[in-house]
PDB file of N, CA and C in Angstrom:
ATOM      1  N   MET A   1      -7.398  23.231  18.714  1.00  0.00           N
ATOM      2  CA  MET A   1      -7.062  21.863  18.358  1.00  0.00           C
ATOM      3  C   MET A   1      -7.910  21.424  17.164  1.00  0.00           C
ATOM      4  N   THR A   2      -7.246  20.843  16.177  1.00  0.00           N
ATOM      5  CA  THR A   2      -7.912  20.352  14.985  1.00  0.00           C
ATOM      6  C   THR A   2      -7.910  18.828  15.032  1.00  0.00           C
ATOM      7  N   ALA A   3      -9.049  18.230  14.846  1.00  0.00           N
ATOM      8  CA  ALA A   3      -9.151  16.770  14.848  1.00  0.00           C
ATOM      9  C   ALA A   3      -8.352  16.185  13.691  1.00  0.00           C
ATOM     10  N   LEU A   4      -7.937  14.952  13.841  1.00  0.00           N
ATOM     11  CA  LEU A   4      -7.248  14.233  12.777  1.00  0.00           C
ATOM     12  C   LEU A   4      -8.279  13.508  11.923  1.00  0.00           C
ATOM     13  N   THR A   5      -8.166  13.671  10.616  1.00  0.00           N
ATOM     14  CA  THR A   5      -9.014  12.958   9.677  1.00  0.00           C
ATOM     15  C   THR A   5      -8.122  12.058   8.838  1.00  0.00           C
ATOM     16  N   LEU A   6      -8.510  10.793   8.724  1.00  0.00           N
ATOM     17  CA  LEU A   6      -7.757   9.814   7.948  1.00  0.00           C
ATOM     18  C   LEU A   6      -8.683   9.214   6.890  1.00  0.00           C
ATOM     19  N   THR A   7      -8.240   9.231   5.656  1.00  0.00           N
ATOM     20  CA  THR A   7      -8.987   8.590   4.576  1.00  0.00           C
ATOM     21  C   THR A   7      -7.999   7.802   3.729  1.00  0.00           C
ATOM     22  N   SER A   8      -8.479   6.729   3.118  1.00  0.00           N
ATOM     23  CA  SER A   8      -7.585   5.947   2.259  1.00  0.00           C
ATOM     24  C   SER A   8      -8.178   5.810   0.869  1.00  0.00           C
ATOM     25  N   GLN A   9      -7.279   5.713  -0.080  1.00  0.00           N
ATOM     26  CA  GLN A   9      -7.633   5.491  -1.473  1.00  0.00           C
ATOM     27  C   GLN A   9      -6.665   4.456  -2.032  1.00  0.00           C
ATOM     28  N   VAL A  10      -7.184   3.508  -2.782  1.00  0.00           N
ATOM     29  CA  VAL A  10      -6.344   2.487  -3.396  1.00  0.00           C
ATOM     30  C   VAL A  10      -6.189   2.820  -4.863  1.00  0.00           C
ATOM     31  N   GLY A  11      -4.957   2.855  -5.326  1.00  0.00           N
ATOM     32  CA  GLY A  11      -4.694   3.186  -6.716  1.00  0.00           C
ATOM     33  C   GLY A  11      -3.592   2.327  -7.287  1.00  0.00           C
ATOM     34  N   PRO A  12      -3.135   2.653  -8.469  1.00  0.00           N
ATOM     35  CA  PRO A  12      -2.125   1.842  -9.149  1.00  0.00           C
ATOM     36  C   PRO A  12      -0.777   1.832  -8.439  1.00  0.00           C
ATOM     37  N   ASP A  13      -0.497   2.833  -7.630  1.00  0.00           N
ATOM     38  CA  ASP A  13       0.776   2.893  -6.918  1.00  0.00           C
ATOM     39  C   ASP A  13       0.660   2.377  -5.490  1.00  0.00           C
ATOM     40  N   GLY A  14      -0.483   1.826  -5.113  1.00  0.00           N
ATOM     41  CA  GLY A  14      -0.671   1.317  -3.760  1.00  0.00           C
ATOM     42  C   GLY A  14      -1.766   2.077  -3.041  1.00  0.00           C
ATOM     43  N   THR A  15      -1.756   1.983  -1.725  1.00  0.00           N
ATOM     44  CA  THR A  15      -2.756   2.648  -0.902  1.00  0.00           C
ATOM     45  C   THR A  15      -2.208   3.977  -0.405  1.00  0.00           C
ATOM     46  N   VAL A  16      -2.979   5.022  -0.605  1.00  0.00           N
ATOM     47  CA  VAL A  16      -2.615   6.349  -0.119  1.00  0.00           C
ATOM     48  C   VAL A  16      -3.516   6.666   1.069  1.00  0.00           C
ATOM     49  N   VAL A  17      -2.888   7.024   2.187  1.00  0.00           N
ATOM     50  CA  VAL A  17      -3.635   7.449   3.366  1.00  0.00           C
ATOM     51  C   VAL A  17      -3.430   8.955   3.495  1.00  0.00           C
ATOM     52  N   LEU A  18      -4.532   9.696   3.402  1.00  0.00           N
ATOM     53  CA  LEU A  18      -4.479  11.154   3.511  1.00  0.00           C
ATOM     54  C   LEU A  18      -4.712  11.544   4.964  1.00  0.00           C
ATOM     55  N   LEU A  19      -3.794  12.326   5.521  1.00  0.00           N
ATOM     56  CA  LEU A  19      -3.917  12.810   6.892  1.00  0.00           C
ATOM     57  C   LEU A  19      -4.192  14.302   6.856  1.00  0.00           C
ATOM     58  N   THR A  20      -5.206  14.743   7.568  1.00  0.00           N
ATOM     59  CA  THR A  20      -5.485  16.167   7.693  1.00  0.00           C
ATOM     60  C   THR A  20      -5.734  16.471   9.163  1.00  0.00           C
ATOM     61  N   GLY A  21      -5.331  17.660   9.581  1.00  0.00           N
ATOM     62  CA  GLY A  21      -5.524  18.071  10.965  1.00  0.00           C
ATOM     63  C   GLY A  21      -4.231  17.975  11.739  1.00  0.00           C
ATOM     64  N   GLU A  22      -4.323  17.454  12.968  1.00  0.00           N
ATOM     65  CA  GLU A  22      -3.168  17.382  13.858  1.00  0.00           C
ATOM     66  C   GLU A  22      -2.908  15.945  14.291  1.00  0.00           C
ATOM     67  N   LEU A  23      -1.649  15.546  14.193  1.00  0.00           N
ATOM     68  CA  LEU A  23      -1.218  14.238  14.667  1.00  0.00           C
ATOM     69  C   LEU A  23      -0.414  14.479  15.935  1.00  0.00           C
ATOM     70  N   ASP A  24      -1.098  14.356  17.072  1.00  0.00           N
ATOM     71  CA  ASP A  24      -0.476  14.694  18.349  1.00  0.00           C
ATOM     72  C   ASP A  24      -0.879  13.665  19.405  1.00  0.00           C
ATOM     73  N   LEU A  25      -0.588  13.971  20.651  1.00  0.00           N
ATOM     74  CA  LEU A  25      -0.868  13.045  21.738  1.00  0.00           C
ATOM     75  C   LEU A  25      -2.331  12.611  21.760  1.00  0.00           C
ATOM     76  N   ALA A  26      -3.239  13.521  21.464  1.00  0.00           N
ATOM     77  CA  ALA A  26      -4.672  13.206  21.511  1.00  0.00           C
ATOM     78  C   ALA A  26      -5.125  12.300  20.367  1.00  0.00           C
ATOM     79  N   THR A  27      -4.409  12.321  19.243  1.00  0.00           N
ATOM     80  CA  THR A  27      -4.866  11.583  18.058  1.00  0.00           C
ATOM     81  C   THR A  27      -3.898  10.497  17.594  1.00  0.00           C
ATOM     82  N   ALA A  28      -2.758  10.372  18.243  1.00  0.00           N
ATOM     83  CA  ALA A  28      -1.688   9.485  17.757  1.00  0.00           C
ATOM     84  C   ALA A  28      -2.124   8.033  17.617  1.00  0.00           C
ATOM     85  N   GLY A  29      -2.990   7.557  18.478  1.00  0.00           N
ATOM     86  CA  GLY A  29      -3.424   6.159  18.388  1.00  0.00           C
ATOM     87  C   GLY A  29      -4.266   5.850  17.170  1.00  0.00           C
ATOM     88  N   ASP A  30      -4.853   6.883  16.578  1.00  0.00           N
ATOM     89  CA  ASP A  30      -5.742   6.682  15.427  1.00  0.00           C
ATOM     90  C   ASP A  30      -5.004   6.148  14.198  1.00  0.00           C
ATOM     91  N   LEU A  31      -3.789   6.649  13.949  1.00  0.00           N
ATOM     92  CA  LEU A  31      -3.077   6.279  12.723  1.00  0.00           C
ATOM     93  C   LEU A  31      -2.705   4.799  12.686  1.00  0.00           C
ATOM     94  N   PRO A  32      -2.032   4.246  13.696  1.00  0.00           N
ATOM     95  CA  PRO A  32      -1.703   2.822  13.603  1.00  0.00           C
ATOM     96  C   PRO A  32      -2.950   1.928  13.538  1.00  0.00           C
ATOM     97  N   ARG A  33      -4.009   2.313  14.239  1.00  0.00           N
ATOM     98  CA  ARG A  33      -5.260   1.535  14.171  1.00  0.00           C
ATOM     99  C   ARG A  33      -5.853   1.590  12.767  1.00  0.00           C
ATOM    100  N   PHE A  34      -5.818   2.764  12.147  1.00  0.00           N
ATOM    101  CA  PHE A  34      -6.354   2.931  10.800  1.00  0.00           C
ATOM    102  C   PHE A  34      -5.580   2.058   9.812  1.00  0.00           C
ATOM    103  N   VAL A  35      -4.253   2.099   9.900  1.00  0.00           N
ATOM    104  CA  VAL A  35      -3.419   1.308   8.989  1.00  0.00           C
ATOM    105  C   VAL A  35      -3.632  -0.182   9.248  1.00  0.00           C
ATOM    106  N   ALA A  36      -3.750  -0.580  10.511  1.00  0.00           N
ATOM    107  CA  ALA A  36      -3.978  -1.988  10.839  1.00  0.00           C
ATOM    108  C   ALA A  36      -5.322  -2.478  10.309  1.00  0.00           C
ATOM    109  N   ALA A  37      -6.287  -1.578  10.158  1.00  0.00           N
ATOM    110  CA  ALA A  37      -7.611  -1.952   9.669  1.00  0.00           C
ATOM    111  C   ALA A  37      -7.655  -2.103   8.144  1.00  0.00           C
ATOM    112  N   LEU A  38      -6.606  -1.673   7.445  1.00  0.00           N
ATOM    113  CA  LEU A  38      -6.564  -1.861   5.989  1.00  0.00           C
ATOM    114  C   LEU A  38      -6.484  -3.346   5.678  1.00  0.00           C
ATOM    115  N   ALA A  39      -7.056  -3.732   4.572  1.00  0.00           N
ATOM    116  CA  ALA A  39      -6.966  -5.128   4.142  1.00  0.00           C
ATOM    117  C   ALA A  39      -5.493  -5.476   3.909  1.00  0.00           C
ATOM    118  N   PRO A  40      -5.073  -6.691   4.253  1.00  0.00           N
ATOM    119  CA  PRO A  40      -3.661  -7.060   4.082  1.00  0.00           C
ATOM    120  C   PRO A  40      -3.120  -6.786   2.681  1.00  0.00           C
ATOM    121  N   GLU A  41      -3.939  -7.026   1.650  1.00  0.00           N
ATOM    122  CA  GLU A  41      -3.457  -6.778   0.287  1.00  0.00           C
ATOM    123  C   GLU A  41      -3.276  -5.293   0.001  1.00  0.00           C
ATOM    124  N   ASP A  42      -3.898  -4.434   0.805  1.00  0.00           N
ATOM    125  CA  ASP A  42      -3.750  -2.990   0.627  1.00  0.00           C
ATOM    126  C   ASP A  42      -2.531  -2.439   1.357  1.00  0.00           C
ATOM    127  N   CYS A  43      -1.764  -3.300   2.020  1.00  0.00           N
ATOM    128  CA  CYS A  43      -0.590  -2.855   2.774  1.00  0.00           C
ATOM    129  C   CYS A  43       0.725  -3.165   2.076  1.00  0.00           C
ATOM    130  N   ARG A  44       0.668  -3.623   0.832  1.00  0.00           N
ATOM    131  CA  ARG A  44       1.914  -3.917   0.131  1.00  0.00           C
ATOM    132  C   ARG A  44       2.722  -2.649  -0.113  1.00  0.00           C
ATOM    133  N   SER A  45       2.016  -1.567  -0.418  1.00  0.00           N
ATOM    134  CA  SER A  45       2.649  -0.268  -0.608  1.00  0.00           C
ATOM    135  C   SER A  45       1.705   0.786  -0.034  1.00  0.00           C
ATOM    136  N   VAL A  46       2.127   1.381   1.078  1.00  0.00           N
ATOM    137  CA  VAL A  46       1.305   2.391   1.754  1.00  0.00           C
ATOM    138  C   VAL A  46       2.056   3.708   1.720  1.00  0.00           C
ATOM    139  N   HIS A  47       1.359   4.737   1.288  1.00  0.00           N
ATOM    140  CA  HIS A  47       1.936   6.079   1.231  1.00  0.00           C
ATOM    141  C   HIS A  47       1.101   6.993   2.121  1.00  0.00           C
ATOM    142  N   LEU A  48       1.727   7.614   3.097  1.00  0.00           N
ATOM    143  CA  LEU A  48       1.040   8.576   3.960  1.00  0.00           C
ATOM    144  C   LEU A  48       1.255   9.964   3.386  1.00  0.00           C
ATOM    145  N   ASP A  49       0.178  10.596   2.950  1.00  0.00           N
ATOM    146  CA  ASP A  49       0.251  11.940   2.385  1.00  0.00           C
ATOM    147  C   ASP A  49      -0.002  12.933   3.513  1.00  0.00           C
ATOM    148  N   LEU A  50       1.053  13.658   3.897  1.00  0.00           N
ATOM    149  CA  LEU A  50       0.989  14.576   5.033  1.00  0.00           C
ATOM    150  C   LEU A  50       0.738  16.021   4.633  1.00  0.00           C
ATOM    151  N   ALA A  51       0.408  16.286   3.383  1.00  0.00           N
ATOM    152  CA  ALA A  51       0.229  17.663   2.919  1.00  0.00           C
ATOM    153  C   ALA A  51      -0.831  18.411   3.719  1.00  0.00           C
ATOM    154  N   GLY A  52      -1.850  17.716   4.201  1.00  0.00           N
ATOM    155  CA  GLY A  52      -2.924  18.360   4.954  1.00  0.00           C
ATOM    156  C   GLY A  52      -2.728  18.335   6.457  1.00  0.00           C
ATOM    157  N   LEU A  53      -1.572  17.863   6.901  1.00  0.00           N
ATOM    158  CA  LEU A  53      -1.297  17.785   8.332  1.00  0.00           C
ATOM    159  C   LEU A  53      -0.782  19.139   8.813  1.00  0.00           C
ATOM    160  N   ASP A  54      -1.512  19.742   9.760  1.00  0.00           N
ATOM    161  CA  ASP A  54      -1.153  21.068  10.267  1.00  0.00           C
ATOM    162  C   ASP A  54      -0.104  21.019  11.367  1.00  0.00           C
ATOM    163  N   PHE A  55      -0.041  19.901  12.103  1.00  0.00           N
ATOM    164  CA  PHE A  55       0.829  19.826  13.272  1.00  0.00           C
ATOM    165  C   PHE A  55       1.194  18.377  13.530  1.00  0.00           C
ATOM    166  N   ILE A  56       2.430  18.161  13.963  1.00  0.00           N
ATOM    167  CA  ILE A  56       2.870  16.842  14.400  1.00  0.00           C
ATOM    168  C   ILE A  56       3.830  17.034  15.572  1.00  0.00           C
ATOM    169  N   ASP A  57       3.656  16.207  16.606  1.00  0.00           N
ATOM    170  CA  ASP A  57       4.560  16.281  17.750  1.00  0.00           C
ATOM    171  C   ASP A  57       5.232  14.920  17.946  1.00  0.00           C
ATOM    172  N   ALA A  58       5.917  14.734  19.080  1.00  0.00           N
ATOM    173  CA  ALA A  58       6.635  13.486  19.335  1.00  0.00           C
ATOM    174  C   ALA A  58       5.694  12.287  19.329  1.00  0.00           C
ATOM    175  N   ALA A  59       4.499  12.441  19.877  1.00  0.00           N
ATOM    176  CA  ALA A  59       3.527  11.342  19.860  1.00  0.00           C
ATOM    177  C   ALA A  59       3.115  11.014  18.420  1.00  0.00           C
ATOM    178  N   GLY A  60       3.029  12.032  17.579  1.00  0.00           N
ATOM    179  CA  GLY A  60       2.721  11.819  16.172  1.00  0.00           C
ATOM    180  C   GLY A  60       3.824  11.060  15.459  1.00  0.00           C
ATOM    181  N   LEU A  61       5.075  11.382  15.797  1.00  0.00           N
ATOM    182  CA  LEU A  61       6.197  10.643  15.217  1.00  0.00           C
ATOM    183  C   LEU A  61       6.152   9.179  15.641  1.00  0.00           C
ATOM    184  N   THR A  62       5.819   8.952  16.903  1.00  0.00           N
ATOM    185  CA  THR A  62       5.681   7.578  17.396  1.00  0.00           C
ATOM    186  C   THR A  62       4.571   6.855  16.636  1.00  0.00           C
ATOM    187  N   ALA A  63       3.486   7.549  16.347  1.00  0.00           N
ATOM    188  CA  ALA A  63       2.386   6.954  15.581  1.00  0.00           C
ATOM    189  C   ALA A  63       2.858   6.543  14.188  1.00  0.00           C
ATOM    190  N   LEU A  64       3.699   7.350  13.570  1.00  0.00           N
ATOM    191  CA  LEU A  64       4.245   7.008  12.253  1.00  0.00           C
ATOM    192  C   LEU A  64       5.106   5.750  12.337  1.00  0.00           C
ATOM    193  N   VAL A  65       5.919   5.657  13.395  1.00  0.00           N
ATOM    194  CA  VAL A  65       6.764   4.473  13.575  1.00  0.00           C
ATOM    195  C   VAL A  65       5.893   3.233  13.773  1.00  0.00           C
ATOM    196  N   ARG A  66       4.821   3.363  14.536  1.00  0.00           N
ATOM    197  CA  ARG A  66       3.918   2.227  14.763  1.00  0.00           C
ATOM    198  C   ARG A  66       3.191   1.823  13.477  1.00  0.00           C
ATOM    199  N   ALA A  67       2.773   2.815  12.703  1.00  0.00           N
ATOM    200  CA  ALA A  67       2.128   2.510  11.419  1.00  0.00           C
ATOM    201  C   ALA A  67       3.115   1.806  10.498  1.00  0.00           C
ATOM    202  N   HIS A  68       4.356   2.274  10.494  1.00  0.00           N
ATOM    203  CA  HIS A  68       5.414   1.645   9.697  1.00  0.00           C
ATOM    204  C   HIS A  68       5.590   0.189  10.111  1.00  0.00           C
ATOM    205  N   ALA A  69       5.546  -0.086  11.411  1.00  0.00           N
ATOM    206  CA  ALA A  69       5.698  -1.457  11.908  1.00  0.00           C
ATOM    207  C   ALA A  69       4.551  -2.353  11.437  1.00  0.00           C
ATOM    208  N   VAL A  70       3.336  -1.806  11.408  1.00  0.00           N
ATOM    209  CA  VAL A  70       2.177  -2.576  10.931  1.00  0.00           C
ATOM    210  C   VAL A  70       2.388  -2.969   9.469  1.00  0.00           C
ATOM    211  N   VAL A  71       2.804  -2.012   8.660  1.00  0.00           N
ATOM    212  CA  VAL A  71       3.009  -2.275   7.235  1.00  0.00           C
ATOM    213  C   VAL A  71       4.161  -3.272   7.037  1.00  0.00           C
ATOM    214  N   ALA A  72       5.252  -3.082   7.767  1.00  0.00           N
ATOM    215  CA  ALA A  72       6.401  -3.979   7.646  1.00  0.00           C
ATOM    216  C   ALA A  72       6.045  -5.399   8.081  1.00  0.00           C
ATOM    217  N   GLN A  73       5.212  -5.514   9.093  1.00  0.00           N
ATOM    218  CA  GLN A  73       4.776  -6.825   9.580  1.00  0.00           C
ATOM    219  C   GLN A  73       4.008  -7.588   8.491  1.00  0.00           C
ATOM    220  N   ARG A  74       3.376  -6.847   7.598  1.00  0.00           N
ATOM    221  CA  ARG A  74       2.636  -7.453   6.483  1.00  0.00           C
ATOM    222  C   ARG A  74       3.486  -7.519   5.215  1.00  0.00           C
ATOM    223  N   SER A  75       4.806  -7.367   5.393  1.00  0.00           N
ATOM    224  CA  SER A  75       5.773  -7.423   4.293  1.00  0.00           C
ATOM    225  C   SER A  75       5.548  -6.316   3.271  1.00  0.00           C
ATOM    226  N   GLY A  76       5.067  -5.175   3.746  1.00  0.00           N
ATOM    227  CA  GLY A  76       4.833  -4.037   2.866  1.00  0.00           C
ATOM    228  C   GLY A  76       5.892  -2.966   3.018  1.00  0.00           C
ATOM    229  N   ARG A  77       5.697  -1.902   2.273  1.00  0.00           N
ATOM    230  CA  ARG A  77       6.620  -0.758   2.288  1.00  0.00           C
ATOM    231  C   ARG A  77       5.802   0.499   2.518  1.00  0.00           C
ATOM    232  N   MET A  78       6.299   1.385   3.383  1.00  0.00           N
ATOM    233  CA  MET A  78       5.591   2.628   3.664  1.00  0.00           C
ATOM    234  C   MET A  78       6.472   3.818   3.313  1.00  0.00           C
ATOM    235  N   THR A  79       5.861   4.792   2.655  1.00  0.00           N
ATOM    236  CA  THR A  79       6.526   6.061   2.383  1.00  0.00           C
ATOM    237  C   THR A  79       5.688   7.188   2.979  1.00  0.00           C
ATOM    238  N   VAL A  80       6.336   8.318   3.165  1.00  0.00           N
ATOM    239  CA  VAL A  80       5.683   9.509   3.701  1.00  0.00           C
ATOM    240  C   VAL A  80       5.863  10.608   2.673  1.00  0.00           C
ATOM    241  N   GLY A  81       4.798  11.329   2.382  1.00  0.00           N
ATOM    242  CA  GLY A  81       4.894  12.339   1.341  1.00  0.00           C
ATOM    243  C   GLY A  81       4.455  13.719   1.766  1.00  0.00           C
ATOM    244  N   ARG A  82       5.099  14.673   1.192  1.00  0.00           N
ATOM    245  CA  ARG A  82       4.779  16.092   1.259  1.00  0.00           C
ATOM    246  C   ARG A  82       4.576  16.627   2.681  1.00  0.00           C
ATOM    247  N   PRO A  83       5.516  16.354   3.597  1.00  0.00           N
ATOM    248  CA  PRO A  83       5.364  16.910   4.942  1.00  0.00           C
ATOM    249  C   PRO A  83       5.573  18.425   4.943  1.00  0.00           C
ATOM    250  N   GLN A  84       4.933  19.086   5.882  1.00  0.00           N
ATOM    251  CA  GLN A  84       5.143  20.516   6.074  1.00  0.00           C
ATOM    252  C   GLN A  84       6.591  20.716   6.546  1.00  0.00           C
ATOM    253  N   PRO A  85       7.140  21.930   6.479  1.00  0.00           N
ATOM    254  CA  PRO A  85       8.541  22.150   6.849  1.00  0.00           C
ATOM    255  C   PRO A  85       8.900  21.648   8.263  1.00  0.00           C
ATOM    256  N   LEU A  86       8.037  21.864   9.248  1.00  0.00           N
ATOM    257  CA  LEU A  86       8.344  21.394  10.593  1.00  0.00           C
ATOM    258  C   LEU A  86       8.393  19.865  10.633  1.00  0.00           C
ATOM    259  N   GLY A  87       7.471  19.220   9.965  1.00  0.00           N
ATOM    260  CA  GLY A  87       7.478  17.761   9.905  1.00  0.00           C
ATOM    261  C   GLY A  87       8.731  17.226   9.245  1.00  0.00           C
ATOM    262  N   ARG A  88       9.134  17.850   8.158  1.00  0.00           N
ATOM    263  CA  ARG A  88      10.360  17.438   7.461  1.00  0.00           C
ATOM    264  C   ARG A  88      11.563  17.580   8.380  1.00  0.00           C
ATOM    265  N   LEU A  89      11.629  18.682   9.109  1.00  0.00           N
ATOM    266  CA  LEU A  89      12.734  18.900  10.044  1.00  0.00           C
ATOM    267  C   LEU A  89      12.742  17.821  11.129  1.00  0.00           C
ATOM    268  N   LEU A  90      11.574  17.480  11.655  1.00  0.00           N
ATOM    269  CA  LEU A  90      11.497  16.429  12.671  1.00  0.00           C
ATOM    270  C   LEU A  90      11.981  15.095  12.117  1.00  0.00           C
ATOM    271  N   PHE A  91      11.624  14.774  10.884  1.00  0.00           N
ATOM    272  CA  PHE A  91      12.086  13.523  10.279  1.00  0.00           C
ATOM    273  C   PHE A  91      13.610  13.515  10.158  1.00  0.00           C
ATOM    274  N   GLU A  92      14.176  14.654   9.754  1.00  0.00           N
ATOM    275  CA  GLU A  92      15.623  14.739   9.591  1.00  0.00           C
ATOM    276  C   GLU A  92      16.341  14.645  10.939  1.00  0.00           C
ATOM    277  N   LEU A  93      15.814  15.326  11.959  1.00  0.00           N
ATOM    278  CA  LEU A  93      16.458  15.329  13.280  1.00  0.00           C
ATOM    279  C   LEU A  93      16.374  13.981  13.974  1.00  0.00           C
ATOM    280  N   THR A  94      15.287  13.267  13.782  1.00  0.00           N
ATOM    281  CA  THR A  94      15.088  12.008  14.486  1.00  0.00           C
ATOM    282  C   THR A  94      15.543  10.790  13.688  1.00  0.00           C
ATOM    283  N   ALA A  95      15.834  10.973  12.426  1.00  0.00           N
ATOM    284  CA  ALA A  95      16.277   9.878  11.552  1.00  0.00           C
ATOM    285  C   ALA A  95      15.303   8.701  11.576  1.00  0.00           C
ATOM    286  N   LEU A  96      14.018   9.018  11.493  1.00  0.00           N
ATOM    287  CA  LEU A  96      13.009   7.958  11.449  1.00  0.00           C
ATOM    288  C   LEU A  96      13.201   7.102  10.206  1.00  0.00           C
ATOM    289  N   PRO A  97      12.882   5.809  10.309  1.00  0.00           N
ATOM    290  CA  PRO A  97      13.095   4.912   9.167  1.00  0.00           C
ATOM    291  C   PRO A  97      11.976   5.015   8.128  1.00  0.00           C
ATOM    292  N   VAL A  98      11.768   6.213   7.594  1.00  0.00           N
ATOM    293  CA  VAL A  98      10.748   6.410   6.570  1.00  0.00           C
ATOM    294  C   VAL A  98      11.382   7.041   5.347  1.00  0.00           C
ATOM    295  N   THR A  99      10.826   6.722   4.201  1.00  0.00           N
ATOM    296  CA  THR A  99      11.258   7.335   2.950  1.00  0.00           C
ATOM    297  C   THR A  99      10.317   8.490   2.660  1.00  0.00           C
ATOM    298  N   ILE A 100      10.881   9.686   2.450  1.00  0.00           N
ATOM    299  CA  ILE A 100      10.077  10.870   2.159  1.00  0.00           C
ATOM    300  C   ILE A 100       9.993  11.062   0.647  1.00  0.00           C
ATOM    301  N   VAL A 101       8.772  11.234   0.169  1.00  0.00           N
ATOM    302  CA  VAL A 101       8.506  11.445  -1.250  1.00  0.00           C
ATOM    303  C   VAL A 101       7.887  12.831  -1.389  1.00  0.00           C
ATOM    304  N   ASP A 102       8.415  13.648  -2.287  1.00  0.00           N
ATOM    305  CA  ASP A 102       7.929  15.019  -2.412  1.00  0.00           C
ATOM    306  C   ASP A 102       6.868  15.211  -3.487  1.00  0.00           C
ATOM    307  N   ARG A 103       6.401  14.156  -4.078  1.00  0.00           N
ATOM    308  CA  ARG A 103       5.361  14.273  -5.097  1.00  0.00           C
ATOM    309  C   ARG A 103       4.087  13.614  -4.592  1.00  0.00           C
ATOM    310  N   ALA A 104       3.002  13.984  -5.183  1.00  0.00           N
ATOM    311  CA  ALA A 104       1.734  13.330  -4.849  1.00  0.00           C
ATOM    312  C   ALA A 104       1.735  11.935  -5.473  1.00  0.00           C
ATOM    313  N   VAL A 105       1.232  10.971  -4.744  1.00  0.00           N
ATOM    314  CA  VAL A 105       1.122   9.606  -5.243  1.00  0.00           C
ATOM    315  C   VAL A 105      -0.287   9.411  -5.768  1.00  0.00           C
ATOM    316  N   ARG A 106      -0.393   8.805  -6.943  1.00  0.00           N
ATOM    317  CA  ARG A 106      -1.694   8.623  -7.583  1.00  0.00           C
ATOM    318  C   ARG A 106      -2.539   7.606  -6.835  1.00  0.00           C
ATOM    319  N   ALA A 107      -3.784   7.950  -6.682  1.00  0.00           N
ATOM    320  CA  ALA A 107      -4.756   7.017  -6.111  1.00  0.00           C
ATOM    321  C   ALA A 107      -6.131   7.422  -6.599  1.00  0.00           C
ATOM    322  N   THR A 108      -6.995   6.458  -6.655  1.00  0.00           N
ATOM    323  CA  THR A 108      -8.380   6.734  -7.011  1.00  0.00           C
ATOM    324  C   THR A 108      -9.262   6.202  -5.895  1.00  0.00           C
ATOM    325  N   PRO A 109     -10.333   6.878  -5.603  1.00  0.00           N
ATOM    326  CA  PRO A 109     -11.214   6.376  -4.547  1.00  0.00           C
ATOM    327  C   PRO A 109     -11.681   4.956  -4.844  1.00  0.00           C
ATOM    328  N   ARG A 110     -11.743   4.172  -3.831  1.00  0.00           N
ATOM    329  CA  ARG A 110     -12.202   2.788  -3.950  1.00  0.00           C
ATOM    330  C   ARG A 110     -13.697   2.775  -4.231  1.00  0.00           C
ATOM    331  N   SER A 111     -14.092   2.012  -5.228  1.00  0.00           N
ATOM    332  CA  SER A 111     -15.516   1.937  -5.529  1.00  0.00           C
ATOM    333  C   SER A 111     -16.150   0.849  -4.659  1.00  0.00           C
ATOM    334  N   ALA A 112     -17.389   1.098  -4.276  1.00  0.00           N
ATOM    335  CA  ALA A 112     -18.067   0.152  -3.377  1.00  0.00           C
ATOM    336  C   ALA A 112     -18.666  -0.996  -4.135  1.00  0.00           C
TER     337      ALA A 112
END
């Protein structure tokens, strides 16, 4: 089992949340909490970069839907980028309400 790591970067195209590890039953609650903890102004455009995600299961898909709801509640838009082949297949089979982007979204680390 690989732990889930979540990091965010704010850039000209919005906030990019990088996911690495596994998004599964053990870690699914982390994603919606992480997105909810973003400043409201950072939720106008949220992009989840899944390139580093090794595994996603049904609980992980539910976490994505919950994160999407958090962003939508703040009148924002969420996209999902660069999922692994299994993740892409799950998105297609379940018809989740997410927009898949196949390119990296620009972001720069937030300065303190």
